[in-house]
Amino acid sequence: MSEQPGVQFLTAEESAKVDIALLSSPEKFLTRLTISSFRLLKIIAQAYEVPIEALTPQQIVDWFEKDSKIRREQGIEAAVLKW
């Protein structure tokens, strides 16, 4: 799995659009999470060379384990998720 340079899961503009939407705070949170998750699922699907719809829960878990291992062994900048 290679690092995704410049990966941005939610832009400031998108976040601002969610802010002005006529949604409750929990709905806004879920909307932001869904947008970010969609982008991450695209990355995971690319890593497995499958369409998003074909991803299995196990592939998603495996991808997170690989990214976590990269972060531990190579540092946060080498991982996709920067947390």
PDB file of N, CA and C in Angstrom:
ATOM      1  N   MET A   1       0.863  -1.170   0.000  1.00  0.00           N
ATOM      2  CA  MET A   1       0.000   0.000   0.000  1.00  0.00           C
ATOM      3  C   MET A   1       0.904   1.224   0.000  1.00  0.00           C
ATOM      4  N   SER A   2       0.708   2.082  -0.946  1.00  0.00           N
ATOM      5  CA  SER A   2       1.531   3.279  -0.995  1.00  0.00           C
ATOM      6  C   SER A   2       0.779   4.447  -0.374  1.00  0.00           C
ATOM      7  N   GLU A   3       1.558   5.404   0.071  1.00  0.00           N
ATOM      8  CA  GLU A   3       0.958   6.597   0.677  1.00  0.00           C
ATOM      9  C   GLU A   3       0.178   7.355  -0.377  1.00  0.00           C
ATOM     10  N   GLN A   4      -0.925   7.902  -0.002  1.00  0.00           N
ATOM     11  CA  GLN A   4      -1.748   8.709  -0.884  1.00  0.00           C
ATOM     12  C   GLN A   4      -1.385  10.171  -0.629  1.00  0.00           C
ATOM     13  N   PRO A   5      -0.540  10.766  -1.470  1.00  0.00           N
ATOM     14  CA  PRO A   5      -0.133  12.145  -1.210  1.00  0.00           C
ATOM     15  C   PRO A   5      -1.307  13.101  -1.301  1.00  0.00           C
ATOM     16  N   GLY A   6      -1.381  13.995  -0.347  1.00  0.00           N
ATOM     17  CA  GLY A   6      -2.406  15.022  -0.379  1.00  0.00           C
ATOM     18  C   GLY A   6      -3.827  14.528  -0.177  1.00  0.00           C
ATOM     19  N   VAL A   7      -3.988  13.385   0.441  1.00  0.00           N
ATOM     20  CA  VAL A   7      -5.346  12.873   0.674  1.00  0.00           C
ATOM     21  C   VAL A   7      -6.070  13.811   1.620  1.00  0.00           C
ATOM     22  N   GLN A   8      -7.220  14.255   1.183  1.00  0.00           N
ATOM     23  CA  GLN A   8      -8.057  15.091   2.033  1.00  0.00           C
ATOM     24  C   GLN A   8      -9.438  14.456   2.042  1.00  0.00           C
ATOM     25  N   PHE A   9      -9.864  14.046   3.213  1.00  0.00           N
ATOM     26  CA  PHE A   9     -11.110  13.309   3.312  1.00  0.00           C
ATOM     27  C   PHE A   9     -12.331  14.214   3.345  1.00  0.00           C
ATOM     28  N   LEU A  10     -12.162  15.462   3.750  1.00  0.00           N
ATOM     29  CA  LEU A  10     -13.248  16.442   3.762  1.00  0.00           C
ATOM     30  C   LEU A  10     -12.622  17.823   3.631  1.00  0.00           C
ATOM     31  N   THR A  11     -12.980  18.532   2.583  1.00  0.00           N
ATOM     32  CA  THR A  11     -12.408  19.860   2.387  1.00  0.00           C
ATOM     33  C   THR A  11     -13.110  20.881   3.274  1.00  0.00           C
ATOM     34  N   ALA A  12     -12.465  22.005   3.452  1.00  0.00           N
ATOM     35  CA  ALA A  12     -13.068  23.091   4.230  1.00  0.00           C
ATOM     36  C   ALA A  12     -14.363  23.562   3.569  1.00  0.00           C
ATOM     37  N   GLU A  13     -14.366  23.605   2.247  1.00  0.00           N
ATOM     38  CA  GLU A  13     -15.572  24.029   1.515  1.00  0.00           C
ATOM     39  C   GLU A  13     -16.723  23.040   1.739  1.00  0.00           C
ATOM     40  N   GLU A  14     -16.409  21.751   1.687  1.00  0.00           N
ATOM     41  CA  GLU A  14     -17.442  20.744   1.924  1.00  0.00           C
ATOM     42  C   GLU A  14     -17.972  20.834   3.355  1.00  0.00           C
ATOM     43  N   SER A  15     -17.072  21.025   4.289  1.00  0.00           N
ATOM     44  CA  SER A  15     -17.474  21.149   5.687  1.00  0.00           C
ATOM     45  C   SER A  15     -18.380  22.368   5.875  1.00  0.00           C
ATOM     46  N   ALA A  16     -18.042  23.473   5.200  1.00  0.00           N
ATOM     47  CA  ALA A  16     -18.870  24.681   5.288  1.00  0.00           C
ATOM     48  C   ALA A  16     -20.259  24.438   4.707  1.00  0.00           C
ATOM     49  N   LYS A  17     -20.328  23.676   3.616  1.00  0.00           N
ATOM     50  CA  LYS A  17     -21.632  23.365   3.019  1.00  0.00           C
ATOM     51  C   LYS A  17     -22.467  22.510   3.965  1.00  0.00           C
ATOM     52  N   VAL A  18     -21.809  21.595   4.666  1.00  0.00           N
ATOM     53  CA  VAL A  18     -22.530  20.788   5.655  1.00  0.00           C
ATOM     54  C   VAL A  18     -23.027  21.694   6.781  1.00  0.00           C
ATOM     55  N   ASP A  19     -22.178  22.641   7.199  1.00  0.00           N
ATOM     56  CA  ASP A  19     -22.560  23.558   8.276  1.00  0.00           C
ATOM     57  C   ASP A  19     -23.834  24.333   7.964  1.00  0.00           C
ATOM     58  N   ILE A  20     -24.013  24.752   6.718  1.00  0.00           N
ATOM     59  CA  ILE A  20     -25.182  25.567   6.384  1.00  0.00           C
ATOM     60  C   ILE A  20     -26.404  24.730   6.011  1.00  0.00           C
ATOM     61  N   ALA A  21     -26.204  23.422   5.908  1.00  0.00           N
ATOM     62  CA  ALA A  21     -27.342  22.547   5.596  1.00  0.00           C
ATOM     63  C   ALA A  21     -28.343  22.566   6.747  1.00  0.00           C
ATOM     64  N   LEU A  22     -29.582  22.348   6.416  1.00  0.00           N
ATOM     65  CA  LEU A  22     -30.647  22.338   7.421  1.00  0.00           C
ATOM     66  C   LEU A  22     -30.701  20.957   8.081  1.00  0.00           C
ATOM     67  N   LEU A  23     -29.661  20.704   8.882  1.00  0.00           N
ATOM     68  CA  LEU A  23     -29.507  19.420   9.563  1.00  0.00           C
ATOM     69  C   LEU A  23     -29.214  19.656  11.031  1.00  0.00           C
ATOM     70  N   SER A  24     -29.557  18.683  11.846  1.00  0.00           N
ATOM     71  CA  SER A  24     -29.201  18.751  13.269  1.00  0.00           C
ATOM     72  C   SER A  24     -27.697  18.494  13.411  1.00  0.00           C
ATOM     73  N   SER A  25     -27.151  18.784  14.575  1.00  0.00           N
ATOM     74  CA  SER A  25     -25.726  18.540  14.805  1.00  0.00           C
ATOM     75  C   SER A  25     -25.344  17.079  14.586  1.00  0.00           C
ATOM     76  N   PRO A  26     -26.119  16.118  15.112  1.00  0.00           N
ATOM     77  CA  PRO A  26     -25.769  14.716  14.847  1.00  0.00           C
ATOM     78  C   PRO A  26     -25.830  14.370  13.349  1.00  0.00           C
ATOM     79  N   GLU A  27     -26.787  14.945  12.635  1.00  0.00           N
ATOM     80  CA  GLU A  27     -26.889  14.693  11.193  1.00  0.00           C
ATOM     81  C   GLU A  27     -25.700  15.299  10.447  1.00  0.00           C
ATOM     82  N   LYS A  28     -25.259  16.466  10.869  1.00  0.00           N
ATOM     83  CA  LYS A  28     -24.079  17.084  10.248  1.00  0.00           C
ATOM     84  C   LYS A  28     -22.845  16.225  10.487  1.00  0.00           C
ATOM     85  N   PHE A  29     -22.690  15.730  11.714  1.00  0.00           N
ATOM     86  CA  PHE A  29     -21.557  14.851  12.022  1.00  0.00           C
ATOM     87  C   PHE A  29     -21.594  13.621  11.120  1.00  0.00           C
ATOM     88  N   LEU A  30     -22.758  12.987  11.015  1.00  0.00           N
ATOM     89  CA  LEU A  30     -22.885  11.785  10.199  1.00  0.00           C
ATOM     90  C   LEU A  30     -22.631  12.086   8.721  1.00  0.00           C
ATOM     91  N   THR A  31     -23.051  13.242   8.258  1.00  0.00           N
ATOM     92  CA  THR A  31     -22.809  13.638   6.873  1.00  0.00           C
ATOM     93  C   THR A  31     -21.313  13.777   6.615  1.00  0.00           C
ATOM     94  N   ARG A  32     -20.608  14.457   7.510  1.00  0.00           N
ATOM     95  CA  ARG A  32     -19.152  14.603   7.358  1.00  0.00           C
ATOM     96  C   ARG A  32     -18.460  13.233   7.394  1.00  0.00           C
ATOM     97  N   LEU A  33     -18.888  12.396   8.316  1.00  0.00           N
ATOM     98  CA  LEU A  33     -18.317  11.059   8.443  1.00  0.00           C
ATOM     99  C   LEU A  33     -18.564  10.240   7.179  1.00  0.00           C
ATOM    100  N   THR A  34     -19.744  10.368   6.608  1.00  0.00           N
ATOM    101  CA  THR A  34     -20.085   9.616   5.403  1.00  0.00           C
ATOM    102  C   THR A  34     -19.248  10.067   4.218  1.00  0.00           C
ATOM    103  N   ILE A  35     -19.084  11.354   4.042  1.00  0.00           N
ATOM    104  CA  ILE A  35     -18.250  11.873   2.950  1.00  0.00           C
ATOM    105  C   ILE A  35     -16.818  11.381   3.115  1.00  0.00           C
ATOM    106  N   SER A  36     -16.282  11.499   4.314  1.00  0.00           N
ATOM    107  CA  SER A  36     -14.912  11.053   4.582  1.00  0.00           C
ATOM    108  C   SER A  36     -14.776   9.546   4.378  1.00  0.00           C
ATOM    109  N   SER A  37     -15.749   8.795   4.849  1.00  0.00           N
ATOM    110  CA  SER A  37     -15.718   7.337   4.707  1.00  0.00           C
ATOM    111  C   SER A  37     -15.761   6.921   3.246  1.00  0.00           C
ATOM    112  N   PHE A  38     -16.570   7.607   2.465  1.00  0.00           N
ATOM    113  CA  PHE A  38     -16.648   7.316   1.037  1.00  0.00           C
ATOM    114  C   PHE A  38     -15.277   7.474   0.383  1.00  0.00           C
ATOM    115  N   ARG A  39     -14.588   8.550   0.718  1.00  0.00           N
ATOM    116  CA  ARG A  39     -13.262   8.783   0.142  1.00  0.00           C
ATOM    117  C   ARG A  39     -12.274   7.702   0.585  1.00  0.00           C
ATOM    118  N   LEU A  40     -12.340   7.323   1.852  1.00  0.00           N
ATOM    119  CA  LEU A  40     -11.451   6.277   2.351  1.00  0.00           C
ATOM    120  C   LEU A  40     -11.771   4.937   1.696  1.00  0.00           C
ATOM    121  N   LEU A  41     -13.049   4.630   1.512  1.00  0.00           N
ATOM    122  CA  LEU A  41     -13.416   3.380   0.842  1.00  0.00           C
ATOM    123  C   LEU A  41     -12.895   3.339  -0.596  1.00  0.00           C
ATOM    124  N   LYS A  42     -12.859   4.483  -1.261  1.00  0.00           N
ATOM    125  CA  LYS A  42     -12.293   4.532  -2.610  1.00  0.00           C
ATOM    126  C   LYS A  42     -10.815   4.149  -2.572  1.00  0.00           C
ATOM    127  N   ILE A  43     -10.080   4.636  -1.576  1.00  0.00           N
ATOM    128  CA  ILE A  43      -8.657   4.310  -1.428  1.00  0.00           C
ATOM    129  C   ILE A  43      -8.474   2.822  -1.150  1.00  0.00           C
ATOM    130  N   ILE A  44      -9.296   2.295  -0.261  1.00  0.00           N
ATOM    131  CA  ILE A  44      -9.201   0.876   0.085  1.00  0.00           C
ATOM    132  C   ILE A  44      -9.535   0.018  -1.139  1.00  0.00           C
ATOM    133  N   ALA A  45     -10.574   0.377  -1.866  1.00  0.00           N
ATOM    134  CA  ALA A  45     -10.946  -0.378  -3.067  1.00  0.00           C
ATOM    135  C   ALA A  45      -9.820  -0.355  -4.097  1.00  0.00           C
ATOM    136  N   GLN A  46      -9.167   0.799  -4.253  1.00  0.00           N
ATOM    137  CA  GLN A  46      -8.039   0.889  -5.187  1.00  0.00           C
ATOM    138  C   GLN A  46      -6.901  -0.033  -4.752  1.00  0.00           C
ATOM    139  N   ALA A  47      -6.655  -0.115  -3.451  1.00  0.00           N
ATOM    140  CA  ALA A  47      -5.587  -0.975  -2.937  1.00  0.00           C
ATOM    141  C   ALA A  47      -5.854  -2.443  -3.273  1.00  0.00           C
ATOM    142  N   TYR A  48      -7.113  -2.842  -3.261  1.00  0.00           N
ATOM    143  CA  TYR A  48      -7.491  -4.224  -3.579  1.00  0.00           C
ATOM    144  C   TYR A  48      -7.882  -4.417  -5.043  1.00  0.00           C
ATOM    145  N   GLU A  49      -7.862  -3.314  -5.796  1.00  0.00           N
ATOM    146  CA  GLU A  49      -8.214  -3.329  -7.208  1.00  0.00           C
ATOM    147  C   GLU A  49      -9.599  -3.943  -7.447  1.00  0.00           C
ATOM    148  N   VAL A  50     -10.549  -3.463  -6.653  1.00  0.00           N
ATOM    149  CA  VAL A  50     -11.942  -3.900  -6.788  1.00  0.00           C
ATOM    150  C   VAL A  50     -12.837  -2.669  -6.700  1.00  0.00           C
ATOM    151  N   PRO A  51     -14.056  -2.761  -7.218  1.00  0.00           N
ATOM    152  CA  PRO A  51     -14.998  -1.654  -7.022  1.00  0.00           C
ATOM    153  C   PRO A  51     -15.390  -1.575  -5.541  1.00  0.00           C
ATOM    154  N   ILE A  52     -15.760  -0.403  -5.096  1.00  0.00           N
ATOM    155  CA  ILE A  52     -16.165  -0.223  -3.697  1.00  0.00           C
ATOM    156  C   ILE A  52     -17.221  -1.248  -3.308  1.00  0.00           C
ATOM    157  N   GLU A  53     -18.158  -1.485  -4.199  1.00  0.00           N
ATOM    158  CA  GLU A  53     -19.262  -2.398  -3.904  1.00  0.00           C
ATOM    159  C   GLU A  53     -18.788  -3.823  -3.626  1.00  0.00           C
ATOM    160  N   ALA A  54     -17.605  -4.166  -4.114  1.00  0.00           N
ATOM    161  CA  ALA A  54     -17.092  -5.530  -3.945  1.00  0.00           C
ATOM    162  C   ALA A  54     -16.257  -5.694  -2.677  1.00  0.00           C
ATOM    163  N   LEU A  55     -15.953  -4.597  -1.994  1.00  0.00           N
ATOM    164  CA  LEU A  55     -15.166  -4.699  -0.758  1.00  0.00           C
ATOM    165  C   LEU A  55     -15.911  -5.529   0.283  1.00  0.00           C
ATOM    166  N   THR A  56     -15.152  -6.323   1.002  1.00  0.00           N
ATOM    167  CA  THR A  56     -15.743  -7.093   2.095  1.00  0.00           C
ATOM    168  C   THR A  56     -15.341  -6.451   3.423  1.00  0.00           C
ATOM    169  N   PRO A  57     -16.106  -6.691   4.457  1.00  0.00           N
ATOM    170  CA  PRO A  57     -15.697  -6.179   5.774  1.00  0.00           C
ATOM    171  C   PRO A  57     -14.288  -6.657   6.155  1.00  0.00           C
ATOM    172  N   GLN A  58     -13.935  -7.888   5.806  1.00  0.00           N
ATOM    173  CA  GLN A  58     -12.604  -8.391   6.145  1.00  0.00           C
ATOM    174  C   GLN A  58     -11.512  -7.619   5.414  1.00  0.00           C
ATOM    175  N   GLN A  59     -11.732  -7.267   4.162  1.00  0.00           N
ATOM    176  CA  GLN A  59     -10.741  -6.469   3.435  1.00  0.00           C
ATOM    177  C   GLN A  59     -10.547  -5.107   4.100  1.00  0.00           C
ATOM    178  N   ILE A  60     -11.627  -4.517   4.568  1.00  0.00           N
ATOM    179  CA  ILE A  60     -11.538  -3.212   5.228  1.00  0.00           C
ATOM    180  C   ILE A  60     -10.735  -3.342   6.523  1.00  0.00           C
ATOM    181  N   VAL A  61     -11.027  -4.362   7.305  1.00  0.00           N
ATOM    182  CA  VAL A  61     -10.278  -4.601   8.545  1.00  0.00           C
ATOM    183  C   VAL A  61      -8.805  -4.833   8.219  1.00  0.00           C
ATOM    184  N   ASP A  62      -8.539  -5.673   7.214  1.00  0.00           N
ATOM    185  CA  ASP A  62      -7.153  -5.962   6.831  1.00  0.00           C
ATOM    186  C   ASP A  62      -6.427  -4.700   6.402  1.00  0.00           C
ATOM    187  N   TRP A  63      -7.098  -3.829   5.645  1.00  0.00           N
ATOM    188  CA  TRP A  63      -6.478  -2.588   5.195  1.00  0.00           C
ATOM    189  C   TRP A  63      -6.109  -1.704   6.391  1.00  0.00           C
ATOM    190  N   PHE A  64      -7.019  -1.593   7.357  1.00  0.00           N
ATOM    191  CA  PHE A  64      -6.733  -0.792   8.549  1.00  0.00           C
ATOM    192  C   PHE A  64      -5.545  -1.366   9.314  1.00  0.00           C
ATOM    193  N   GLU A  65      -5.468  -2.693   9.398  1.00  0.00           N
ATOM    194  CA  GLU A  65      -4.328  -3.323  10.080  1.00  0.00           C
ATOM    195  C   GLU A  65      -3.026  -3.005   9.360  1.00  0.00           C
ATOM    196  N   LYS A  66      -3.031  -3.056   8.019  1.00  0.00           N
ATOM    197  CA  LYS A  66      -1.830  -2.743   7.244  1.00  0.00           C
ATOM    198  C   LYS A  66      -1.426  -1.288   7.433  1.00  0.00           C
ATOM    199  N   ASP A  67      -2.408  -0.378   7.383  1.00  0.00           N
ATOM    200  CA  ASP A  67      -2.093   1.040   7.539  1.00  0.00           C
ATOM    201  C   ASP A  67      -1.555   1.316   8.943  1.00  0.00           C
ATOM    202  N   SER A  68      -2.124   0.651   9.936  1.00  0.00           N
ATOM    203  CA  SER A  68      -1.656   0.805  11.313  1.00  0.00           C
ATOM    204  C   SER A  68      -0.221   0.304  11.464  1.00  0.00           C
ATOM    205  N   LYS A  69       0.074  -0.818  10.817  1.00  0.00           N
ATOM    206  CA  LYS A  69       1.431  -1.376  10.873  1.00  0.00           C
ATOM    207  C   LYS A  69       2.422  -0.420  10.207  1.00  0.00           C
ATOM    208  N   ILE A  70       2.056   0.146   9.077  1.00  0.00           N
ATOM    209  CA  ILE A  70       2.916   1.124   8.397  1.00  0.00           C
ATOM    210  C   ILE A  70       3.187   2.309   9.316  1.00  0.00           C
ATOM    211  N   ARG A  71       2.144   2.797   9.975  1.00  0.00           N
ATOM    212  CA  ARG A  71       2.287   3.941  10.881  1.00  0.00           C
ATOM    213  C   ARG A  71       3.256   3.615  12.012  1.00  0.00           C
ATOM    214  N   ARG A  72       3.135   2.419  12.591  1.00  0.00           N
ATOM    215  CA  ARG A  72       4.012   2.014  13.694  1.00  0.00           C
ATOM    216  C   ARG A  72       5.452   1.818  13.236  1.00  0.00           C
ATOM    217  N   GLU A  73       5.634   1.207  12.089  1.00  0.00           N
ATOM    218  CA  GLU A  73       6.974   0.842  11.637  1.00  0.00           C
ATOM    219  C   GLU A  73       7.691   1.946  10.868  1.00  0.00           C
ATOM    220  N   GLN A  74       6.935   2.759  10.118  1.00  0.00           N
ATOM    221  CA  GLN A  74       7.562   3.753   9.248  1.00  0.00           C
ATOM    222  C   GLN A  74       7.242   5.187   9.633  1.00  0.00           C
ATOM    223  N   GLY A  75       6.325   5.356  10.569  1.00  0.00           N
ATOM    224  CA  GLY A  75       5.955   6.699  11.000  1.00  0.00           C
ATOM    225  C   GLY A  75       4.653   7.151  10.380  1.00  0.00           C
ATOM    226  N   ILE A  76       4.078   8.153  11.017  1.00  0.00           N
ATOM    227  CA  ILE A  76       2.753   8.635  10.633  1.00  0.00           C
ATOM    228  C   ILE A  76       2.693   9.146   9.194  1.00  0.00           C
ATOM    229  N   GLU A  77       3.780   9.735   8.714  1.00  0.00           N
ATOM    230  CA  GLU A  77       3.760  10.300   7.364  1.00  0.00           C
ATOM    231  C   GLU A  77       3.706   9.229   6.279  1.00  0.00           C
ATOM    232  N   ALA A  78       4.088   8.010   6.601  1.00  0.00           N
ATOM    233  CA  ALA A  78       4.053   6.916   5.620  1.00  0.00           C
ATOM    234  C   ALA A  78       2.668   6.283   5.520  1.00  0.00           C
ATOM    235  N   ALA A  79       1.848   6.491   6.525  1.00  0.00           N
ATOM    236  CA  ALA A  79       0.510   5.909   6.548  1.00  0.00           C
ATOM    237  C   ALA A  79      -0.481   6.790   5.801  1.00  0.00           C
ATOM    238  N   VAL A  80      -1.578   6.192   5.400  1.00  0.00           N
ATOM    239  CA  VAL A  80      -2.647   6.970   4.750  1.00  0.00           C
ATOM    240  C   VAL A  80      -3.381   7.790   5.790  1.00  0.00           C
ATOM    241  N   LEU A  81      -3.745   7.143   6.898  1.00  0.00           N
ATOM    242  CA  LEU A  81      -4.476   7.838   7.958  1.00  0.00           C
ATOM    243  C   LEU A  81      -3.474   8.502   8.895  1.00  0.00           C
ATOM    244  N   LYS A  82      -3.594   9.775   9.061  1.00  0.00           N
ATOM    245  CA  LYS A  82      -2.635  10.573   9.842  1.00  0.00           C
ATOM    246  C   LYS A  82      -3.214  10.909  11.210  1.00  0.00           C
ATOM    247  N   TRP A  83      -3.327   9.938  12.084  1.00  0.00           N
ATOM    248  CA  TRP A  83      -3.845  10.208  13.410  1.00  0.00           C
ATOM    249  C   TRP A  83      -2.978   9.617  14.460  1.00  0.00           C
TER     250      TRP A  83
END
